[in-house]
Amino acid sequence: MAEEDLRHRRELEHKSREAEIALRQAAQDLEQRKLTEYYRMGQFGQMAGIAVSIFAIGGALVAAFYGAPWQVSAAIKGLPIAGIVLSLRS
């Protein structure tokens, strides 16, 4: 009876350790997924910023080409540049 009790206790401890290992592995996997998603969102933000800047510069060049006042070109270029400066300050 004591041997069966000891065997049962060892089985429970073994199952407990396996569950703890599985839980830690799941937590590590979740943390890795969060970091990967954070990295992807950063990349998306950088690409979106580049696209907005390119379109703003292109719009300013088109406005200047068609004879718009210089204030229009400055305003078209200034808004994305102000956004970039604000994001870098944060």
C-alpha atoms as a PDB file:
ATOM      1  CA  MET A   1       0.000   0.000   0.000  1.00  0.00           C
ATOM      2  CA  ALA A   2       2.831   2.406   0.817  1.00  0.00           C
ATOM      3  CA  GLU A   3       4.560   1.519  -2.470  1.00  0.00           C
ATOM      4  CA  GLU A   4       1.374   2.231  -4.427  1.00  0.00           C
ATOM      5  CA  ASP A   5       0.999   5.538  -2.627  1.00  0.00           C
ATOM      6  CA  LEU A   6       4.615   6.437  -3.432  1.00  0.00           C
ATOM      7  CA  ARG A   7       4.173   5.434  -7.084  1.00  0.00           C
ATOM      8  CA  HIS A   8       0.981   7.483  -7.307  1.00  0.00           C
ATOM      9  CA  ARG A   9       2.676  10.504  -5.720  1.00  0.00           C
ATOM     10  CA  ARG A  10       5.573  10.246  -8.199  1.00  0.00           C
ATOM     11  CA  GLU A  11       3.144  10.078 -11.100  1.00  0.00           C
ATOM     12  CA  LEU A  12       1.364  13.184  -9.852  1.00  0.00           C
ATOM     13  CA  GLU A  13       4.662  15.061  -9.413  1.00  0.00           C
ATOM     14  CA  HIS A  14       5.738  13.997 -12.909  1.00  0.00           C
ATOM     15  CA  LYS A  15       2.435  15.203 -14.404  1.00  0.00           C
ATOM     16  CA  SER A  16       2.732  18.424 -12.443  1.00  0.00           C
ATOM     17  CA  ARG A  17       6.228  19.070 -13.806  1.00  0.00           C
ATOM     18  CA  GLU A  18       5.107  18.299 -17.359  1.00  0.00           C
ATOM     19  CA  ALA A  19       2.197  20.720 -17.005  1.00  0.00           C
ATOM     20  CA  GLU A  20       4.496  23.413 -15.633  1.00  0.00           C
ATOM     21  CA  ILE A  21       6.914  22.948 -18.529  1.00  0.00           C
ATOM     22  CA  ALA A  22       4.042  23.121 -21.032  1.00  0.00           C
ATOM     23  CA  LEU A  23       2.737  26.287 -19.380  1.00  0.00           C
ATOM     24  CA  ARG A  24       6.143  27.954 -19.509  1.00  0.00           C
ATOM     25  CA  GLN A  25       6.554  26.950 -23.154  1.00  0.00           C
ATOM     26  CA  ALA A  26       3.127  28.403 -23.982  1.00  0.00           C
ATOM     27  CA  ALA A  27       4.042  31.652 -22.221  1.00  0.00           C
ATOM     28  CA  GLN A  28       7.309  31.864 -24.172  1.00  0.00           C
ATOM     29  CA  ASP A  29       5.486  31.197 -27.443  1.00  0.00           C
ATOM     30  CA  LEU A  30       2.969  33.929 -26.661  1.00  0.00           C
ATOM     31  CA  GLU A  31       5.728  36.405 -25.828  1.00  0.00           C
ATOM     32  CA  GLN A  32       7.529  35.540 -29.077  1.00  0.00           C
ATOM     33  CA  ARG A  33       4.336  36.122 -31.062  1.00  0.00           C
ATOM     34  CA  LYS A  34       3.841  39.489 -29.356  1.00  0.00           C
ATOM     35  CA  LEU A  35       7.390  40.558 -30.220  1.00  0.00           C
ATOM     36  CA  THR A  36       6.969  39.421 -33.817  1.00  0.00           C
ATOM     37  CA  GLU A  37       3.708  41.360 -34.150  1.00  0.00           C
ATOM     38  CA  TYR A  38       5.291  44.451 -32.594  1.00  0.00           C
ATOM     39  CA  TYR A  39       8.175  44.218 -35.089  1.00  0.00           C
ATOM     40  CA  ARG A  40       5.766  43.835 -38.031  1.00  0.00           C
ATOM     41  CA  MET A  41       3.722  46.834 -36.928  1.00  0.00           C
ATOM     42  CA  GLY A  42       6.912  48.889 -36.734  1.00  0.00           C
ATOM     43  CA  GLN A  43       7.856  47.882 -40.243  1.00  0.00           C
ATOM     44  CA  PHE A  44       4.374  48.744 -41.514  1.00  0.00           C
ATOM     45  CA  GLY A  45       4.572  52.167 -39.876  1.00  0.00           C
ATOM     46  CA  GLN A  46       7.924  52.870 -41.481  1.00  0.00           C
ATOM     47  CA  MET A  47       6.692  51.853 -44.929  1.00  0.00           C
ATOM     48  CA  ALA A  48       3.548  53.960 -44.534  1.00  0.00           C
ATOM     49  CA  GLY A  49       5.673  56.940 -43.488  1.00  0.00           C
ATOM     50  CA  ILE A  50       7.926  56.529 -46.494  1.00  0.00           C
ATOM     51  CA  ALA A  51       4.918  56.314 -48.825  1.00  0.00           C
ATOM     52  CA  VAL A  52       3.323  59.452 -47.366  1.00  0.00           C
ATOM     53  CA  SER A  53       6.608  61.347 -47.647  1.00  0.00           C
ATOM     54  CA  ILE A  54       7.135  60.306 -51.265  1.00  0.00           C
ATOM     55  CA  PHE A  55       3.587  61.315 -52.201  1.00  0.00           C
ATOM     56  CA  ALA A  56       3.999  64.660 -50.421  1.00  0.00           C
ATOM     57  CA  ILE A  57       7.240  65.434 -52.216  1.00  0.00           C
ATOM     58  CA  GLY A  58       5.676  64.375 -55.517  1.00  0.00           C
ATOM     59  CA  GLY A  59       2.626  66.538 -54.843  1.00  0.00           C
ATOM     60  CA  ALA A  60       4.823  69.511 -54.004  1.00  0.00           C
ATOM     61  CA  LEU A  61       6.793  69.033 -57.224  1.00  0.00           C
ATOM     62  CA  VAL A  62       3.593  68.787 -59.274  1.00  0.00           C
ATOM     63  CA  ALA A  63       2.207  71.926 -57.612  1.00  0.00           C
ATOM     64  CA  ALA A  64       5.431  73.794 -58.355  1.00  0.00           C
ATOM     65  CA  PHE A  65       5.447  72.523 -61.949  1.00  0.00           C
ATOM     66  CA  TYR A  66       1.937  73.862 -62.571  1.00  0.00           C
ATOM     67  CA  GLY A  67       2.852  77.273 -61.154  1.00  0.00           C
ATOM     68  CA  ALA A  68       1.268  77.160 -57.714  1.00  0.00           C
ATOM     69  CA  PRO A  69       2.623  79.647 -55.165  1.00  0.00           C
ATOM     70  CA  TRP A  70       5.558  78.434 -53.107  1.00  0.00           C
ATOM     71  CA  GLN A  71       3.372  78.380 -49.989  1.00  0.00           C
ATOM     72  CA  VAL A  72       1.340  75.508 -51.470  1.00  0.00           C
ATOM     73  CA  SER A  73       4.447  73.408 -52.044  1.00  0.00           C
ATOM     74  CA  ALA A  74       5.728  74.252 -48.576  1.00  0.00           C
ATOM     75  CA  ALA A  75       2.417  73.254 -47.000  1.00  0.00           C
ATOM     76  CA  ILE A  76       2.269  69.973 -48.926  1.00  0.00           C
ATOM     77  CA  LYS A  77       5.803  69.041 -47.836  1.00  0.00           C
ATOM     78  CA  GLY A  78       5.510  70.524 -44.353  1.00  0.00           C
ATOM     79  CA  LEU A  79       2.687  68.378 -43.008  1.00  0.00           C
ATOM     80  CA  PRO A  80       4.437  65.003 -43.417  1.00  0.00           C
ATOM     81  CA  ILE A  81       7.707  66.467 -42.192  1.00  0.00           C
ATOM     82  CA  ALA A  82       5.944  67.831 -39.106  1.00  0.00           C
ATOM     83  CA  GLY A  83       4.447  64.386 -38.492  1.00  0.00           C
ATOM     84  CA  ILE A  84       7.878  62.765 -38.752  1.00  0.00           C
ATOM     85  CA  VAL A  85       9.390  65.300 -36.358  1.00  0.00           C
ATOM     86  CA  LEU A  86       6.560  64.759 -33.840  1.00  0.00           C
ATOM     87  CA  SER A  87       6.953  60.968 -34.007  1.00  0.00           C
ATOM     88  CA  LEU A  88      10.708  61.238 -33.459  1.00  0.00           C
ATOM     89  CA  ARG A  89      10.214  63.464 -30.410  1.00  0.00           C
ATOM     90  CA  SER A  90       7.880  60.936 -28.744  1.00  0.00           C
END
